[in-house]
Amino acid sequence: MSSTFTLLSARPQSSDSRSVSGETVKAFVALKEGYEGKVKEEEIVAHCKERMAAYKYPRQVEFVKRGTQDGYRKIFEKSL
């Protein structure tokens, strides 16, 4: 499990998350019911930036609906 996944999954608003590393790190976050539209991308980025190394924290966040998951509670890429 990635440290981004662990950190984001610990947030009370997050039901699932996944991060993808490329030129920049992007996090895909599925929010728990009732939190949709209440959590902003900037909050997630700031939360991670305070707790992670500069090269690890996500620069972008995309909120997704909770979709098909594998055994590790990660969102399958095909559902993104």
PDB file of N, CA and C in Angstrom:
ATOM      1  N   MET A   1       0.838  -1.183   0.000  1.00  0.00           N
ATOM      2  CA  MET A   1       0.000   0.000   0.000  1.00  0.00           C
ATOM      3  C   MET A   1       0.881   1.244   0.000  1.00  0.00           C
ATOM      4  N   SER A   2       0.455   2.251  -0.724  1.00  0.00           N
ATOM      5  CA  SER A   2       1.232   3.478  -0.764  1.00  0.00           C
ATOM      6  C   SER A   2       0.958   4.323   0.461  1.00  0.00           C
ATOM      7  N   SER A   3       1.898   5.197   0.777  1.00  0.00           N
ATOM      8  CA  SER A   3       1.706   6.080   1.927  1.00  0.00           C
ATOM      9  C   SER A   3       0.578   7.068   1.663  1.00  0.00           C
ATOM     10  N   THR A   4       0.349   7.429   0.394  1.00  0.00           N
ATOM     11  CA  THR A   4      -0.767   8.318   0.062  1.00  0.00           C
ATOM     12  C   THR A   4      -2.087   7.626   0.360  1.00  0.00           C
ATOM     13  N   PHE A   5      -2.207   6.357  -0.026  1.00  0.00           N
ATOM     14  CA  PHE A   5      -3.412   5.583   0.239  1.00  0.00           C
ATOM     15  C   PHE A   5      -3.660   5.504   1.745  1.00  0.00           C
ATOM     16  N   THR A   6      -2.638   5.175   2.502  1.00  0.00           N
ATOM     17  CA  THR A   6      -2.762   5.045   3.951  1.00  0.00           C
ATOM     18  C   THR A   6      -3.191   6.355   4.584  1.00  0.00           C
ATOM     19  N   LEU A   7      -2.571   7.443   4.175  1.00  0.00           N
ATOM     20  CA  LEU A   7      -2.887   8.752   4.742  1.00  0.00           C
ATOM     21  C   LEU A   7      -4.295   9.200   4.385  1.00  0.00           C
ATOM     22  N   LEU A   8      -4.684   9.057   3.138  1.00  0.00           N
ATOM     23  CA  LEU A   8      -6.017   9.490   2.721  1.00  0.00           C
ATOM     24  C   LEU A   8      -7.116   8.593   3.275  1.00  0.00           C
ATOM     25  N   SER A   9      -6.848   7.315   3.403  1.00  0.00           N
ATOM     26  CA  SER A   9      -7.856   6.398   3.932  1.00  0.00           C
ATOM     27  C   SER A   9      -8.118   6.640   5.418  1.00  0.00           C
ATOM     28  N   ALA A  10      -7.179   7.261   6.094  1.00  0.00           N
ATOM     29  CA  ALA A  10      -7.343   7.558   7.516  1.00  0.00           C
ATOM     30  C   ALA A  10      -8.254   8.767   7.756  1.00  0.00           C
ATOM     31  N   ARG A  11      -8.496   9.557   6.715  1.00  0.00           N
ATOM     32  CA  ARG A  11      -9.378  10.720   6.869  1.00  0.00           C
ATOM     33  C   ARG A  11     -10.811  10.250   7.056  1.00  0.00           C
ATOM     34  N   PRO A  12     -11.553  10.861   7.975  1.00  0.00           N
ATOM     35  CA  PRO A  12     -12.925  10.405   8.238  1.00  0.00           C
ATOM     36  C   PRO A  12     -13.867  10.576   7.050  1.00  0.00           C
ATOM     37  N   GLN A  13     -13.564  11.486   6.120  1.00  0.00           N
ATOM     38  CA  GLN A  13     -14.435  11.737   4.976  1.00  0.00           C
ATOM     39  C   GLN A  13     -14.200  10.746   3.843  1.00  0.00           C
ATOM     40  N   SER A  14     -13.071  10.081   3.838  1.00  0.00           N
ATOM     41  CA  SER A  14     -12.673   9.237   2.719  1.00  0.00           C
ATOM     42  C   SER A  14     -13.086   7.786   2.933  1.00  0.00           C
ATOM     43  N   SER A  15     -13.737   7.210   1.921  1.00  0.00           N
ATOM     44  CA  SER A  15     -14.055   5.797   2.013  1.00  0.00           C
ATOM     45  C   SER A  15     -13.007   4.968   1.282  1.00  0.00           C
ATOM     46  N   ASP A  16     -12.428   5.507   0.219  1.00  0.00           N
ATOM     47  CA  ASP A  16     -11.389   4.827  -0.546  1.00  0.00           C
ATOM     48  C   ASP A  16     -10.529   5.852  -1.257  1.00  0.00           C
ATOM     49  N   SER A  17      -9.326   5.436  -1.615  1.00  0.00           N
ATOM     50  CA  SER A  17      -8.455   6.326  -2.373  1.00  0.00           C
ATOM     51  C   SER A  17      -7.457   5.507  -3.162  1.00  0.00           C
ATOM     52  N   ARG A  18      -6.857   6.153  -4.123  1.00  0.00           N
ATOM     53  CA  ARG A  18      -5.815   5.558  -4.941  1.00  0.00           C
ATOM     54  C   ARG A  18      -4.974   6.700  -5.468  1.00  0.00           C
ATOM     55  N   SER A  19      -3.684   6.490  -5.558  1.00  0.00           N
ATOM     56  CA  SER A  19      -2.838   7.524  -6.137  1.00  0.00           C
ATOM     57  C   SER A  19      -2.090   6.935  -7.322  1.00  0.00           C
ATOM     58  N   VAL A  20      -1.807   7.790  -8.276  1.00  0.00           N
ATOM     59  CA  VAL A  20      -1.084   7.392  -9.471  1.00  0.00           C
ATOM     60  C   VAL A  20       0.096   8.339  -9.614  1.00  0.00           C
ATOM     61  N   SER A  21       1.284   7.774  -9.778  1.00  0.00           N
ATOM     62  CA  SER A  21       2.486   8.582  -9.940  1.00  0.00           C
ATOM     63  C   SER A  21       2.875   8.625 -11.402  1.00  0.00           C
ATOM     64  N   GLY A  22       3.145   9.790 -11.864  1.00  0.00           N
ATOM     65  CA  GLY A  22       3.627  10.013 -13.224  1.00  0.00           C
ATOM     66  C   GLY A  22       4.568  11.189 -13.122  1.00  0.00           C
ATOM     67  N   GLU A  23       4.365  12.184 -13.955  1.00  0.00           N
ATOM     68  CA  GLU A  23       5.141  13.403 -13.801  1.00  0.00           C
ATOM     69  C   GLU A  23       4.763  14.090 -12.500  1.00  0.00           C
ATOM     70  N   THR A  24       3.514  13.962 -12.115  1.00  0.00           N
ATOM     71  CA  THR A  24       3.045  14.446 -10.818  1.00  0.00           C
ATOM     72  C   THR A  24       2.183  13.356 -10.195  1.00  0.00           C
ATOM     73  N   VAL A  25       1.995  13.450  -8.889  1.00  0.00           N
ATOM     74  CA  VAL A  25       1.156  12.474  -8.190  1.00  0.00           C
ATOM     75  C   VAL A  25      -0.275  12.981  -8.207  1.00  0.00           C
ATOM     76  N   LYS A  26      -1.199  12.109  -8.578  1.00  0.00           N
ATOM     77  CA  LYS A  26      -2.612  12.452  -8.588  1.00  0.00           C
ATOM     78  C   LYS A  26      -3.341  11.465  -7.704  1.00  0.00           C
ATOM     79  N   ALA A  27      -4.206  11.972  -6.845  1.00  0.00           N
ATOM     80  CA  ALA A  27      -4.997  11.116  -5.955  1.00  0.00           C
ATOM     81  C   ALA A  27      -6.431  11.060  -6.451  1.00  0.00           C
ATOM     82  N   PHE A  28      -7.005   9.871  -6.417  1.00  0.00           N
ATOM     83  CA  PHE A  28      -8.416   9.656  -6.713  1.00  0.00           C
ATOM     84  C   PHE A  28      -9.067   9.287  -5.393  1.00  0.00           C
ATOM     85  N   VAL A  29     -10.057  10.058  -4.986  1.00  0.00           N
ATOM     86  CA  VAL A  29     -10.658   9.877  -3.669  1.00  0.00           C
ATOM     87  C   VAL A  29     -12.162   9.670  -3.802  1.00  0.00           C
ATOM     88  N   ALA A  30     -12.646   8.614  -3.174  1.00  0.00           N
ATOM     89  CA  ALA A  30     -14.089   8.369  -3.075  1.00  0.00           C
ATOM     90  C   ALA A  30     -14.500   8.790  -1.673  1.00  0.00           C
ATOM     91  N   LEU A  31     -15.376   9.757  -1.591  1.00  0.00           N
ATOM     92  CA  LEU A  31     -15.812  10.272  -0.293  1.00  0.00           C
ATOM     93  C   LEU A  31     -16.948   9.437   0.285  1.00  0.00           C
ATOM     94  N   LYS A  32     -17.015   9.432   1.592  1.00  0.00           N
ATOM     95  CA  LYS A  32     -18.128   8.757   2.256  1.00  0.00           C
ATOM     96  C   LYS A  32     -19.412   9.520   1.978  1.00  0.00           C
ATOM     97  N   GLU A  33     -20.507   8.804   2.092  1.00  0.00           N
ATOM     98  CA  GLU A  33     -21.817   9.408   1.875  1.00  0.00           C
ATOM     99  C   GLU A  33     -21.994  10.604   2.810  1.00  0.00           C
ATOM    100  N   GLY A  34     -22.502  11.683   2.257  1.00  0.00           N
ATOM    101  CA  GLY A  34     -22.727  12.886   3.032  1.00  0.00           C
ATOM    102  C   GLY A  34     -21.598  13.900   2.952  1.00  0.00           C
ATOM    103  N   TYR A  35     -20.441  13.494   2.441  1.00  0.00           N
ATOM    104  CA  TYR A  35     -19.307  14.409   2.328  1.00  0.00           C
ATOM    105  C   TYR A  35     -19.103  14.929   0.910  1.00  0.00           C
ATOM    106  N   GLU A  36     -19.853  14.399  -0.065  1.00  0.00           N
ATOM    107  CA  GLU A  36     -19.712  14.844  -1.443  1.00  0.00           C
ATOM    108  C   GLU A  36     -19.990  16.334  -1.530  1.00  0.00           C
ATOM    109  N   GLY A  37     -19.095  17.061  -2.169  1.00  0.00           N
ATOM    110  CA  GLY A  37     -19.255  18.501  -2.331  1.00  0.00           C
ATOM    111  C   GLY A  37     -18.838  19.323  -1.125  1.00  0.00           C
ATOM    112  N   LYS A  38     -18.493  18.664  -0.028  1.00  0.00           N
ATOM    113  CA  LYS A  38     -18.099  19.385   1.189  1.00  0.00           C
ATOM    114  C   LYS A  38     -16.588  19.411   1.402  1.00  0.00           C
ATOM    115  N   VAL A  39     -15.880  18.530   0.728  1.00  0.00           N
ATOM    116  CA  VAL A  39     -14.425  18.454   0.850  1.00  0.00           C
ATOM    117  C   VAL A  39     -13.828  18.991  -0.433  1.00  0.00           C
ATOM    118  N   LYS A  40     -12.841  19.874  -0.315  1.00  0.00           N
ATOM    119  CA  LYS A  40     -12.227  20.499  -1.487  1.00  0.00           C
ATOM    120  C   LYS A  40     -10.870  19.873  -1.785  1.00  0.00           C
ATOM    121  N   GLU A  41     -10.498  19.930  -3.049  1.00  0.00           N
ATOM    122  CA  GLU A  41      -9.210  19.418  -3.500  1.00  0.00           C
ATOM    123  C   GLU A  41      -8.068  20.031  -2.692  1.00  0.00           C
ATOM    124  N   GLU A  42      -8.147  21.320  -2.439  1.00  0.00           N
ATOM    125  CA  GLU A  42      -7.089  22.024  -1.713  1.00  0.00           C
ATOM    126  C   GLU A  42      -6.899  21.469  -0.302  1.00  0.00           C
ATOM    127  N   GLU A  43      -7.983  21.047   0.340  1.00  0.00           N
ATOM    128  CA  GLU A  43      -7.899  20.478   1.682  1.00  0.00           C
ATOM    129  C   GLU A  43      -7.116  19.167   1.670  1.00  0.00           C
ATOM    130  N   ILE A  44      -7.398  18.339   0.677  1.00  0.00           N
ATOM    131  CA  ILE A  44      -6.721  17.052   0.565  1.00  0.00           C
ATOM    132  C   ILE A  44      -5.233  17.263   0.298  1.00  0.00           C
ATOM    133  N   VAL A  45      -4.908  18.151  -0.641  1.00  0.00           N
ATOM    134  CA  VAL A  45      -3.513  18.429  -0.975  1.00  0.00           C
ATOM    135  C   VAL A  45      -2.781  18.981   0.247  1.00  0.00           C
ATOM    136  N   ALA A  46      -3.381  19.934   0.949  1.00  0.00           N
ATOM    137  CA  ALA A  46      -2.750  20.522   2.136  1.00  0.00           C
ATOM    138  C   ALA A  46      -2.537  19.474   3.228  1.00  0.00           C
ATOM    139  N   HIS A  47      -3.518  18.614   3.440  1.00  0.00           N
ATOM    140  CA  HIS A  47      -3.420  17.549   4.437  1.00  0.00           C
ATOM    141  C   HIS A  47      -2.215  16.648   4.139  1.00  0.00           C
ATOM    142  N   CYS A  48      -2.072  16.258   2.877  1.00  0.00           N
ATOM    143  CA  CYS A  48      -0.964  15.390   2.486  1.00  0.00           C
ATOM    144  C   CYS A  48       0.377  16.120   2.533  1.00  0.00           C
ATOM    145  N   LYS A  49       0.383  17.363   2.078  1.00  0.00           N
ATOM    146  CA  LYS A  49       1.621  18.144   2.028  1.00  0.00           C
ATOM    147  C   LYS A  49       2.232  18.313   3.410  1.00  0.00           C
ATOM    148  N   GLU A  50       1.391  18.469   4.433  1.00  0.00           N
ATOM    149  CA  GLU A  50       1.875  18.623   5.805  1.00  0.00           C
ATOM    150  C   GLU A  50       2.486  17.341   6.354  1.00  0.00           C
ATOM    151  N   ARG A  51       2.110  16.200   5.806  1.00  0.00           N
ATOM    152  CA  ARG A  51       2.477  14.919   6.395  1.00  0.00           C
ATOM    153  C   ARG A  51       3.375  14.041   5.528  1.00  0.00           C
ATOM    154  N   MET A  52       3.684  14.483   4.312  1.00  0.00           N
ATOM    155  CA  MET A  52       4.438  13.634   3.387  1.00  0.00           C
ATOM    156  C   MET A  52       5.642  14.372   2.816  1.00  0.00           C
ATOM    157  N   ALA A  53       6.585  13.586   2.306  1.00  0.00           N
ATOM    158  CA  ALA A  53       7.735  14.168   1.611  1.00  0.00           C
ATOM    159  C   ALA A  53       7.250  14.919   0.376  1.00  0.00           C
ATOM    160  N   ALA A  54       7.995  15.917  -0.026  1.00  0.00           N
ATOM    161  CA  ALA A  54       7.592  16.782  -1.138  1.00  0.00           C
ATOM    162  C   ALA A  54       7.335  16.014  -2.431  1.00  0.00           C
ATOM    163  N   TYR A  55       8.080  14.957  -2.684  1.00  0.00           N
ATOM    164  CA  TYR A  55       7.893  14.217  -3.936  1.00  0.00           C
ATOM    165  C   TYR A  55       6.727  13.228  -3.875  1.00  0.00           C
ATOM    166  N   LYS A  56       6.153  12.996  -2.691  1.00  0.00           N
ATOM    167  CA  LYS A  56       5.095  11.997  -2.542  1.00  0.00           C
ATOM    168  C   LYS A  56       3.679  12.556  -2.510  1.00  0.00           C
ATOM    169  N   TYR A  57       3.505  13.780  -2.045  1.00  0.00           N
ATOM    170  CA  TYR A  57       2.132  14.256  -1.866  1.00  0.00           C
ATOM    171  C   TYR A  57       1.468  14.573  -3.211  1.00  0.00           C
ATOM    172  N   PRO A  58       0.172  14.328  -3.310  1.00  0.00           N
ATOM    173  CA  PRO A  58      -0.529  14.577  -4.578  1.00  0.00           C
ATOM    174  C   PRO A  58      -0.654  16.064  -4.876  1.00  0.00           C
ATOM    175  N   ARG A  59      -0.448  16.404  -6.146  1.00  0.00           N
ATOM    176  CA  ARG A  59      -0.624  17.788  -6.598  1.00  0.00           C
ATOM    177  C   ARG A  59      -2.033  17.998  -7.137  1.00  0.00           C
ATOM    178  N   GLN A  60      -2.682  16.899  -7.502  1.00  0.00           N
ATOM    179  CA  GLN A  60      -4.037  16.951  -8.047  1.00  0.00           C
ATOM    180  C   GLN A  60      -4.898  15.924  -7.323  1.00  0.00           C
ATOM    181  N   VAL A  61      -6.164  16.247  -7.166  1.00  0.00           N
ATOM    182  CA  VAL A  61      -7.114  15.326  -6.554  1.00  0.00           C
ATOM    183  C   VAL A  61      -8.357  15.274  -7.432  1.00  0.00           C
ATOM    184  N   GLU A  62      -8.809  14.074  -7.707  1.00  0.00           N
ATOM    185  CA  GLU A  62     -10.054  13.903  -8.444  1.00  0.00           C
ATOM    186  C   GLU A  62     -10.997  13.091  -7.564  1.00  0.00           C
ATOM    187  N   PHE A  63     -12.176  13.625  -7.344  1.00  0.00           N
ATOM    188  CA  PHE A  63     -13.176  12.922  -6.550  1.00  0.00           C
ATOM    189  C   PHE A  63     -13.958  12.010  -7.476  1.00  0.00           C
ATOM    190  N   VAL A  64     -14.066  10.748  -7.091  1.00  0.00           N
ATOM    191  CA  VAL A  64     -14.752   9.749  -7.898  1.00  0.00           C
ATOM    192  C   VAL A  64     -15.834   9.086  -7.059  1.00  0.00           C
ATOM    193  N   LYS A  65     -16.786   8.485  -7.754  1.00  0.00           N
ATOM    194  CA  LYS A  65     -17.808   7.710  -7.057  1.00  0.00           C
ATOM    195  C   LYS A  65     -17.203   6.382  -6.656  1.00  0.00           C
ATOM    196  N   ARG A  66     -17.672   5.865  -5.561  1.00  0.00           N
ATOM    197  CA  ARG A  66     -17.168   4.570  -5.113  1.00  0.00           C
ATOM    198  C   ARG A  66     -17.544   3.524  -6.150  1.00  0.00           C
ATOM    199  N   GLY A  67     -16.536   2.833  -6.657  1.00  0.00           N
ATOM    200  CA  GLY A  67     -16.774   1.880  -7.729  1.00  0.00           C
ATOM    201  C   GLY A  67     -16.280   0.496  -7.376  1.00  0.00           C
ATOM    202  N   THR A  68     -16.001  -0.263  -8.379  1.00  0.00           N
ATOM    203  CA  THR A  68     -15.497  -1.610  -8.205  1.00  0.00           C
ATOM    204  C   THR A  68     -14.147  -1.559  -7.504  1.00  0.00           C
ATOM    205  N   GLN A  69     -13.959  -2.448  -6.547  1.00  0.00           N
ATOM    206  CA  GLN A  69     -12.719  -2.439  -5.781  1.00  0.00           C
ATOM    207  C   GLN A  69     -12.115  -3.828  -5.755  1.00  0.00           C
ATOM    208  N   ASP A  70     -10.808  -3.867  -5.584  1.00  0.00           N
ATOM    209  CA  ASP A  70     -10.159  -5.160  -5.423  1.00  0.00           C
ATOM    210  C   ASP A  70     -10.074  -5.490  -3.934  1.00  0.00           C
ATOM    211  N   GLY A  71      -9.394  -6.552  -3.590  1.00  0.00           N
ATOM    212  CA  GLY A  71      -9.309  -7.004  -2.208  1.00  0.00           C
ATOM    213  C   GLY A  71      -8.576  -6.050  -1.282  1.00  0.00           C
ATOM    214  N   TYR A  72      -7.861  -5.089  -1.812  1.00  0.00           N
ATOM    215  CA  TYR A  72      -7.122  -4.134  -0.985  1.00  0.00           C
ATOM    216  C   TYR A  72      -7.851  -2.807  -0.838  1.00  0.00           C
ATOM    217  N   ARG A  73      -9.129  -2.772  -1.164  1.00  0.00           N
ATOM    218  CA  ARG A  73      -9.967  -1.592  -1.034  1.00  0.00           C
ATOM    219  C   ARG A  73      -9.510  -0.445  -1.930  1.00  0.00           C
ATOM    220  N   LYS A  74      -8.799  -0.755  -2.981  1.00  0.00           N
ATOM    221  CA  LYS A  74      -8.388   0.285  -3.925  1.00  0.00           C
ATOM    222  C   LYS A  74      -9.377   0.317  -5.069  1.00  0.00           C
ATOM    223  N   ILE A  75      -9.534   1.464  -5.633  1.00  0.00           N
ATOM    224  CA  ILE A  75     -10.453   1.634  -6.755  1.00  0.00           C
ATOM    225  C   ILE A  75      -9.746   1.125  -8.016  1.00  0.00           C
ATOM    226  N   PHE A  76     -10.383   0.231  -8.744  1.00  0.00           N
ATOM    227  CA  PHE A  76      -9.796  -0.268  -9.975  1.00  0.00           C
ATOM    228  C   PHE A  76      -9.616   0.873 -10.968  1.00  0.00           C
ATOM    229  N   GLU A  77      -8.511   0.842 -11.689  1.00  0.00           N
ATOM    230  CA  GLU A  77      -8.261   1.877 -12.690  1.00  0.00           C
ATOM    231  C   GLU A  77      -9.355   1.920 -13.740  1.00  0.00           C
ATOM    232  N   LYS A  78      -9.949   0.774 -14.079  1.00  0.00           N
ATOM    233  CA  LYS A  78     -10.981   0.774 -15.109  1.00  0.00           C
ATOM    234  C   LYS A  78     -12.221   1.535 -14.681  1.00  0.00           C
ATOM    235  N   SER A  79     -12.440   1.676 -13.383  1.00  0.00           N
ATOM    236  CA  SER A  79     -13.607   2.438 -12.929  1.00  0.00           C
ATOM    237  C   SER A  79     -13.309   3.927 -12.843  1.00  0.00           C
ATOM    238  N   LEU A  80     -12.035   4.291 -13.020  1.00  0.00           N
ATOM    239  CA  LEU A  80     -11.668   5.707 -12.996  1.00  0.00           C
ATOM    240  C   LEU A  80     -11.866   6.268 -14.376  1.00  0.00           C
TER     241      LEU A  80
END
